[in-house]
Amino acid sequence: MATVVDRHVTVWQDKITPQIKVAGEGPPVVFLHGAAGLTWDAFLDALAEHHTVYAPEHPGTTVGDPDSINHLDDLWDLVLYYDELFDRLGLQSVPVIGHSFGGMMAAELAANHPERVSQLVLISPIGLWLDESPIPNWMIITPAADLPKYLFCDPSGPVAQQVLAFPEDPEQLVEAQIQFHWSMACTGKFVWPIPDKGLKKRIHRIAAPTLLVWGKQDRLVPPVYADAFSSRIANAQVKLVDQAGHIPQLEQLPQVSEAIQAFLKG
């Protein structure tokens, strides 16, 4: 397991002090997490074997700092915020990997600031909309017990159980549930209405070589969206992953890690 260090910098007129988890050695790569917040997991451990991984926590999702989200009003604020954050971290042009919500943000960053992103990996990104294949509102899926089947190929398998595990202690359980729902709200602020915020009008500006990674059994953002993304990005390739849902980097860790490492090596 990689040694993870929490780093802090100030951005956005010194109003936001994000927490960035950093680990590994080698060429830098940035990872932008999904809607429920950042968890340092086996995928990031594998990535840190070959790279220095920078994994910023989205404003508002850091435990103990819920109010930082209030300094960002809309998607454009968030894109500019990440542009500033890269400057503060000394990252000029780096590979960026984004998952789900983080995939949308990585695509927006690459489209609006092409010079920032040398290579782009989008894992099950949101951001486009197809009327014939609508994306469910993951923030209000009911009953909550149905959420695993949208996220995982095997919703009762060990990966799903680990990712969705909550503490058994009652007080810790309440705190964890509050944190989970607040994180969903902090990311949801930038995708409502779900999930078309106009990326389709800007996505053609992405200049970086792009790898799209998609679980064949993704029920949240179906793999038909892999074609929707790849047809709009000039230099894109697609990796479809069998026996994987919306989080293929965990359900099929070796296969996805190998594909991403090969892509980053160019």
Protein backbone atom coordinates (compact mmCIF):
# COMPACT_ATOMS: atom_id res chain seq x y z
CA MET A 1 0.00 0.00 0.00
CA ALA A 2 1.28 3.46 -0.93
CA THR A 3 2.14 6.02 1.72
CA VAL A 4 -0.44 8.77 1.33
CA VAL A 5 0.29 12.33 2.42
CA ASP A 6 -2.39 15.02 2.83
CA ARG A 7 -1.28 18.26 1.20
CA HIS A 8 -3.03 21.62 1.48
CA VAL A 9 -2.80 24.75 -0.67
CA THR A 10 -4.95 27.87 -0.84
CA VAL A 11 -6.84 28.85 -3.99
CA TRP A 12 -9.73 31.01 -5.16
CA GLN A 13 -8.55 34.25 -3.54
CA ASP A 14 -7.39 32.18 -0.57
CA LYS A 15 -11.00 31.31 0.26
CA ILE A 16 -10.63 27.56 -0.32
CA THR A 17 -7.98 25.29 1.17
CA PRO A 18 -8.50 21.92 -0.50
CA GLN A 19 -7.02 18.69 0.73
CA ILE A 20 -5.01 16.80 -1.87
CA LYS A 21 -3.93 13.23 -1.24
CA VAL A 22 -0.49 12.60 -2.73
CA ALA A 23 1.33 9.28 -3.03
CA GLY A 24 3.86 7.45 -5.15
CA GLU A 25 6.91 8.36 -7.17
CA GLY A 26 7.35 8.99 -10.85
CA PRO A 27 5.65 11.21 -13.44
CA PRO A 28 2.70 13.13 -11.99
CA VAL A 29 -0.91 12.21 -12.71
CA VAL A 30 -4.08 13.81 -11.35
CA PHE A 31 -7.13 11.78 -10.32
CA LEU A 32 -10.55 13.46 -10.03
CA HIS A 33 -13.01 11.41 -8.00
CA GLY A 34 -16.70 10.63 -8.41
CA ALA A 35 -19.84 12.02 -6.83
CA ALA A 36 -19.61 10.42 -3.38
CA GLY A 37 -16.20 11.83 -2.46
CA LEU A 38 -12.64 10.54 -2.51
CA THR A 39 -11.61 7.20 -1.07
CA TRP A 40 -8.00 6.13 -1.47
CA ASP A 41 -8.45 2.65 -2.87
CA ALA A 42 -6.63 -0.22 -4.56
CA PHE A 43 -6.82 1.47 -7.95
CA LEU A 44 -4.99 4.54 -6.68
CA ASP A 45 -2.48 2.29 -4.93
CA ALA A 46 -1.79 0.60 -8.26
CA LEU A 47 -1.48 3.95 -10.00
CA ALA A 48 0.98 5.15 -7.36
CA GLU A 49 3.31 2.25 -8.17
CA HIS A 50 4.34 4.11 -11.33
CA HIS A 51 3.33 7.72 -10.76
CA THR A 52 3.10 10.52 -8.25
CA VAL A 53 -0.65 10.64 -7.82
CA TYR A 54 -2.42 13.88 -6.92
CA ALA A 55 -6.00 13.24 -5.81
CA PRO A 56 -7.76 16.47 -4.77
CA GLU A 57 -10.93 16.30 -2.73
CA HIS A 58 -13.77 18.21 -4.34
CA PRO A 59 -14.65 21.37 -2.38
CA GLY A 60 -17.10 20.60 0.41
CA THR A 61 -16.41 16.87 0.50
CA THR A 62 -13.47 17.04 2.90
CA VAL A 63 -14.44 15.94 6.40
CA GLY A 64 -14.54 19.00 8.66
CA ASP A 65 -14.68 21.52 5.80
CA PRO A 66 -18.20 21.37 4.38
CA ASP A 67 -18.59 25.10 3.72
CA SER A 68 -15.86 25.54 1.11
CA ILE A 69 -18.38 24.57 -1.56
CA ASN A 70 -20.21 27.85 -0.93
CA HIS A 71 -17.44 29.84 -2.65
CA LEU A 72 -18.16 28.22 -6.02
CA ASP A 73 -21.41 29.10 -7.76
CA ASP A 74 -21.45 27.14 -11.00
CA LEU A 75 -19.61 24.82 -13.35
CA TRP A 76 -17.46 27.63 -14.74
CA ASP A 77 -16.26 28.55 -11.27
CA LEU A 78 -15.32 24.92 -10.75
CA VAL A 79 -13.36 24.64 -14.01
CA LEU A 80 -11.42 27.81 -13.17
CA TYR A 81 -10.90 26.56 -9.63
CA TYR A 82 -9.19 23.42 -10.92
CA ASP A 83 -7.10 25.54 -13.30
CA GLU A 84 -5.89 27.56 -10.30
CA LEU A 85 -5.35 24.43 -8.23
CA PHE A 86 -3.06 22.95 -10.87
CA ASP A 87 -1.02 26.17 -10.77
CA ARG A 88 -0.69 26.00 -6.98
CA LEU A 89 0.44 22.39 -7.22
CA GLY A 90 3.00 23.24 -9.89
CA LEU A 91 1.28 21.04 -12.47
CA GLN A 92 1.47 22.61 -15.91
CA SER A 93 0.59 19.85 -18.37
CA VAL A 94 -0.17 16.44 -16.87
CA PRO A 95 -2.23 13.31 -17.47
CA VAL A 96 -5.65 13.60 -15.85
CA ILE A 97 -7.83 10.63 -14.91
CA GLY A 98 -11.44 11.24 -13.95
CA HIS A 99 -14.16 8.87 -12.79
CA SER A 100 -17.88 9.56 -13.23
CA PHE A 101 -18.42 13.16 -12.00
CA GLY A 102 -14.64 13.52 -11.99
CA GLY A 103 -14.64 12.31 -15.59
CA MET A 104 -16.95 15.14 -16.57
CA MET A 105 -14.70 17.63 -14.79
CA ALA A 106 -11.59 16.18 -16.44
CA ALA A 107 -13.28 16.50 -19.85
CA GLU A 108 -14.34 20.09 -19.12
CA LEU A 109 -10.81 20.97 -18.01
CA ALA A 110 -9.32 19.40 -21.14
CA ALA A 111 -11.84 21.20 -23.37
CA ASN A 112 -11.51 24.62 -21.75
CA HIS A 113 -7.78 24.49 -20.96
CA PRO A 114 -6.26 22.06 -23.48
CA GLU A 115 -2.74 23.04 -22.46
CA ARG A 116 -3.34 21.64 -18.96
CA VAL A 117 -4.00 18.05 -19.97
CA SER A 118 -1.32 16.00 -21.74
CA GLN A 119 -3.32 12.75 -21.65
CA LEU A 120 -6.90 12.14 -20.62
CA VAL A 121 -8.46 9.01 -19.11
CA LEU A 122 -12.22 9.07 -18.62
CA ILE A 123 -13.68 6.23 -16.57
CA SER A 124 -17.48 6.00 -16.94
CA PRO A 125 -17.80 9.79 -17.24
CA ILE A 126 -21.06 11.68 -17.04
CA GLY A 127 -21.58 14.88 -19.02
CA LEU A 128 -23.48 13.88 -22.16
CA TRP A 129 -27.14 13.01 -22.63
CA LEU A 130 -28.87 10.64 -25.04
CA ASP A 131 -32.67 10.71 -25.10
CA GLU A 132 -32.77 7.05 -26.09
CA SER A 133 -30.60 6.09 -23.11
CA PRO A 134 -31.38 8.45 -20.21
CA ILE A 135 -29.13 8.51 -17.16
CA PRO A 136 -30.97 8.05 -13.84
CA ASN A 137 -30.64 10.66 -11.12
CA TRP A 138 -28.19 8.85 -8.85
CA MET A 139 -28.87 11.32 -6.03
CA ILE A 140 -32.47 10.19 -5.55
CA ILE A 141 -32.42 6.51 -6.52
CA THR A 142 -35.02 4.82 -4.32
CA PRO A 143 -35.05 2.61 -2.51
CA ALA A 144 -31.44 3.18 -1.52
CA ALA A 145 -30.97 -0.58 -1.58
CA ASP A 146 -31.22 -0.37 -5.39
CA LEU A 147 -28.10 1.80 -5.73
CA PRO A 148 -25.60 -1.10 -5.78
CA LYS A 149 -27.16 -2.63 -8.90
CA TYR A 150 -26.59 0.64 -10.75
CA LEU A 151 -22.95 0.81 -9.67
CA PHE A 152 -21.74 -2.79 -9.83
CA CYS A 153 -21.95 -5.76 -12.14
CA ASP A 154 -22.07 -7.92 -9.01
CA PRO A 155 -23.90 -5.83 -6.39
CA SER A 156 -23.49 -8.52 -3.73
CA GLY A 157 -19.83 -9.22 -4.48
CA PRO A 158 -16.86 -8.37 -2.25
CA VAL A 159 -15.94 -5.17 -4.13
CA ALA A 160 -19.46 -3.77 -3.79
CA GLN A 161 -19.62 -4.75 -0.13
CA GLN A 162 -16.31 -3.03 0.58
CA VAL A 163 -17.11 0.17 -1.31
CA LEU A 164 -20.57 0.56 0.23
CA ALA A 165 -19.68 -0.52 3.76
CA PHE A 166 -20.74 1.82 6.56
CA PRO A 167 -19.49 1.78 10.17
CA GLU A 168 -21.33 -0.42 12.64
CA ASP A 169 -21.03 2.06 15.50
CA PRO A 170 -24.31 4.06 15.56
CA GLU A 171 -22.69 7.49 15.96
CA GLN A 172 -20.09 6.80 13.30
CA LEU A 173 -22.83 5.46 11.03
CA VAL A 174 -24.81 8.71 11.29
CA GLU A 175 -21.68 10.77 10.61
CA ALA A 176 -20.77 8.62 7.61
CA GLN A 177 -24.28 8.88 6.16
CA ILE A 178 -24.30 12.65 6.58
CA GLN A 179 -20.90 12.89 4.91
CA PHE A 180 -22.04 10.67 2.03
CA HIS A 181 -25.17 12.69 1.30
CA TRP A 182 -23.38 16.03 1.70
CA SER A 183 -20.68 14.90 -0.76
CA MET A 184 -23.38 13.92 -3.24
CA ALA A 185 -24.92 17.37 -2.84
CA CYS A 186 -21.58 19.14 -3.28
CA THR A 187 -21.01 17.43 -6.62
CA GLY A 188 -24.67 17.45 -7.60
CA LYS A 189 -24.64 21.24 -7.43
CA PHE A 190 -22.66 21.28 -10.67
CA VAL A 191 -24.60 18.73 -12.71
CA TRP A 192 -28.22 19.78 -12.29
CA PRO A 193 -30.12 19.26 -14.55
CA ILE A 194 -28.57 15.83 -14.95
CA PRO A 195 -26.23 15.62 -16.63
CA ASP A 196 -26.18 17.90 -19.70
CA LYS A 197 -24.34 21.11 -18.88
CA GLY A 198 -23.31 21.75 -22.47
CA LEU A 199 -20.18 19.61 -22.66
CA LYS A 200 -21.30 18.42 -26.11
CA LYS A 201 -20.69 21.98 -27.41
CA ARG A 202 -17.12 22.06 -26.06
CA ILE A 203 -15.89 18.48 -26.14
CA HIS A 204 -14.46 18.87 -29.67
CA ARG A 205 -11.82 21.18 -28.16
CA ILE A 206 -10.14 18.28 -26.33
CA ALA A 207 -6.71 17.88 -27.90
CA ALA A 208 -5.17 15.34 -25.54
CA PRO A 209 -4.95 11.65 -26.47
CA THR A 210 -7.92 10.13 -24.67
CA LEU A 211 -8.74 6.70 -23.27
CA LEU A 212 -12.35 5.91 -22.40
CA VAL A 213 -12.82 3.06 -19.94
CA TRP A 214 -16.34 1.65 -19.57
CA GLY A 215 -17.91 -1.28 -17.78
CA LYS A 216 -20.05 -3.33 -20.14
CA GLN A 217 -22.61 -3.80 -17.34
CA ASP A 218 -22.75 -0.13 -16.29
CA ARG A 219 -26.43 0.55 -15.53
CA LEU A 220 -25.90 4.13 -14.37
CA VAL A 221 -24.16 5.46 -17.48
CA PRO A 222 -24.64 2.72 -20.10
CA PRO A 223 -21.73 1.86 -22.41
CA VAL A 224 -23.55 3.40 -25.38
CA TYR A 225 -22.15 6.64 -23.98
CA ALA A 226 -18.64 5.40 -24.77
CA ASP A 227 -19.51 5.86 -28.44
CA ALA A 228 -21.08 9.25 -27.71
CA PHE A 229 -17.84 10.45 -26.14
CA SER A 230 -15.40 8.80 -28.54
CA SER A 231 -17.20 10.11 -31.63
CA ARG A 232 -16.76 13.66 -30.36
CA ILE A 233 -13.09 13.45 -29.29
CA ALA A 234 -10.60 13.45 -32.16
CA ASN A 235 -7.96 11.21 -30.64
CA ALA A 236 -9.94 8.77 -28.50
CA GLN A 237 -9.84 5.04 -27.95
CA VAL A 238 -12.29 2.89 -26.00
CA LYS A 239 -11.66 0.08 -23.54
CA LEU A 240 -14.82 -1.88 -22.73
CA VAL A 241 -14.52 -3.97 -19.58
CA ASP A 242 -16.61 -7.11 -19.15
CA GLN A 243 -18.03 -8.08 -15.76
CA ALA A 244 -17.85 -4.47 -14.58
CA GLY A 245 -20.39 -1.79 -13.79
CA HIS A 246 -19.93 1.92 -13.14
CA ILE A 247 -16.70 1.42 -11.15
CA PRO A 248 -14.66 -0.83 -13.47
CA GLN A 249 -11.36 0.26 -11.95
CA LEU A 250 -12.29 -1.68 -8.81
CA GLU A 251 -14.42 -4.54 -10.14
CA GLN A 252 -11.76 -5.41 -12.71
CA LEU A 253 -8.72 -3.75 -11.14
CA PRO A 254 -5.86 -5.66 -12.87
CA GLN A 255 -7.35 -5.29 -16.35
CA VAL A 256 -8.15 -1.59 -15.99
CA SER A 257 -4.85 -0.71 -14.32
CA GLU A 258 -2.91 -2.49 -17.06
CA ALA A 259 -4.84 -0.69 -19.80
CA ILE A 260 -4.32 2.72 -18.21
CA GLN A 261 -0.62 2.13 -17.55
CA ALA A 262 -0.10 1.07 -21.16
CA PHE A 263 -1.94 4.16 -22.37
CA LEU A 264 0.02 6.54 -20.14
CA LYS A 265 3.31 5.04 -21.29
CA GLY A 266 2.21 5.97 -24.78
